[in-house]
């Protein structure tokens, strides 16, 4: 659970930098889950496996969002509206 820029993992709190939170939903989540995996290491293989599965889902979502943005940009360009989709 994320609370006040701190992530609670089994009663231990790990600070999440504001720069990570500013990345947005998928990139921010990917950074957080990578940090969790690095923190847990090999100490808790069950949690690591679960976090890895979630991370894979987040990476897939990020890919899908990028594809949608590219499709929107291509449509706007084709309509002469220019590329105005935020990165």
Protein backbone atom coordinates (compact mmCIF):
# COMPACT_ATOMS: atom_id res chain seq x y z
CA UNK A 1 0.00 0.00 0.00
CA UNK A 2 1.32 3.44 -0.93
CA UNK A 3 0.89 6.06 1.78
CA UNK A 4 2.55 9.49 1.82
CA UNK A 5 5.19 8.43 -0.73
CA UNK A 6 6.03 5.34 1.32
CA UNK A 7 5.36 1.77 0.31
CA UNK A 8 4.52 -0.71 3.07
CA UNK A 9 5.91 -4.19 2.42
CA UNK A 10 5.44 -6.60 5.33
CA UNK A 11 5.55 -3.76 7.84
CA UNK A 12 8.64 -2.14 6.33
CA UNK A 13 8.23 1.28 4.73
CA UNK A 14 10.19 2.23 1.62
CA UNK A 15 10.16 5.80 0.33
CA UNK A 16 9.05 6.29 -3.26
CA UNK A 17 10.78 9.34 -4.81
CA UNK A 18 8.53 12.09 -6.13
CA UNK A 19 10.20 11.69 -9.53
CA UNK A 20 8.83 8.14 -9.72
CA UNK A 21 5.35 9.24 -8.69
CA UNK A 22 5.45 12.00 -11.31
CA UNK A 23 5.95 9.46 -14.10
CA UNK A 24 2.26 8.65 -14.18
CA UNK A 25 0.25 5.47 -13.81
CA UNK A 26 2.02 2.79 -15.81
CA UNK A 27 5.58 4.19 -15.83
CA UNK A 28 5.29 5.05 -12.14
CA UNK A 29 3.89 1.61 -11.33
CA UNK A 30 6.66 -0.07 -13.34
CA UNK A 31 9.29 1.88 -11.41
CA UNK A 32 7.65 1.01 -8.07
CA UNK A 33 7.35 -2.70 -8.87
CA UNK A 34 10.97 -2.81 -10.06
CA UNK A 35 12.00 -1.19 -6.80
CA UNK A 36 9.97 -3.73 -4.82
CA UNK A 37 11.63 -6.61 -6.68
CA UNK A 38 15.07 -5.12 -6.03
CA UNK A 39 14.24 -4.63 -2.34
CA UNK A 40 12.79 -8.09 -1.80
CA UNK A 41 15.45 -9.89 -3.81
CA UNK A 42 15.47 -13.63 -3.15
CA UNK A 43 14.20 -13.33 0.42
CA UNK A 44 10.53 -13.85 -0.45
CA UNK A 45 10.09 -15.88 -3.65
CA UNK A 46 6.27 -15.96 -3.44
CA UNK A 47 5.95 -12.18 -3.18
CA UNK A 48 8.62 -11.75 -5.85
CA UNK A 49 6.68 -13.99 -8.24
CA UNK A 50 3.45 -12.08 -7.61
CA UNK A 51 5.14 -8.70 -8.07
CA UNK A 52 6.81 -9.95 -11.26
CA UNK A 53 3.41 -10.98 -12.67
CA UNK A 54 1.98 -7.56 -11.82
CA UNK A 55 5.03 -5.88 -13.36
CA UNK A 56 4.56 -7.83 -16.58
CA UNK A 57 0.92 -6.67 -16.71
CA UNK A 58 1.98 -3.05 -16.16
CA UNK A 59 4.58 -3.28 -18.91
CA UNK A 60 1.91 -4.65 -21.26
CA UNK A 61 -0.41 -1.78 -20.31
CA UNK A 62 2.34 0.75 -20.99
CA UNK A 63 2.91 -0.79 -24.45
CA UNK A 64 -0.84 -0.65 -25.18
CA UNK A 65 -1.05 3.00 -24.05
CA UNK A 66 1.88 3.91 -26.30
CA UNK A 67 0.16 2.19 -29.23
CA UNK A 68 -3.05 4.12 -28.55
CA UNK A 69 -1.12 7.41 -28.39
CA UNK A 70 0.60 6.59 -31.68
CA UNK A 71 -2.77 5.78 -33.29
CA UNK A 72 -4.25 9.05 -32.03
CA UNK A 73 -1.23 11.00 -33.28
CA UNK A 74 -1.47 9.33 -36.71
CA UNK A 75 -5.19 10.13 -36.91
CA UNK A 76 -4.64 13.75 -35.89
CA UNK A 77 -1.85 14.08 -38.46
CA UNK A 78 -4.04 12.57 -41.17
CA UNK A 79 -6.77 15.08 -40.31
CA UNK A 80 -4.28 17.95 -40.44
CA UNK A 81 -4.60 18.58 -36.71
CA UNK A 82 -0.91 18.01 -35.90
CA UNK A 83 0.57 15.95 -33.14
CA UNK A 84 -0.71 17.22 -29.78
CA UNK A 85 -0.92 14.05 -27.69
CA UNK A 86 1.13 14.42 -24.48
CA UNK A 87 3.96 11.90 -24.13
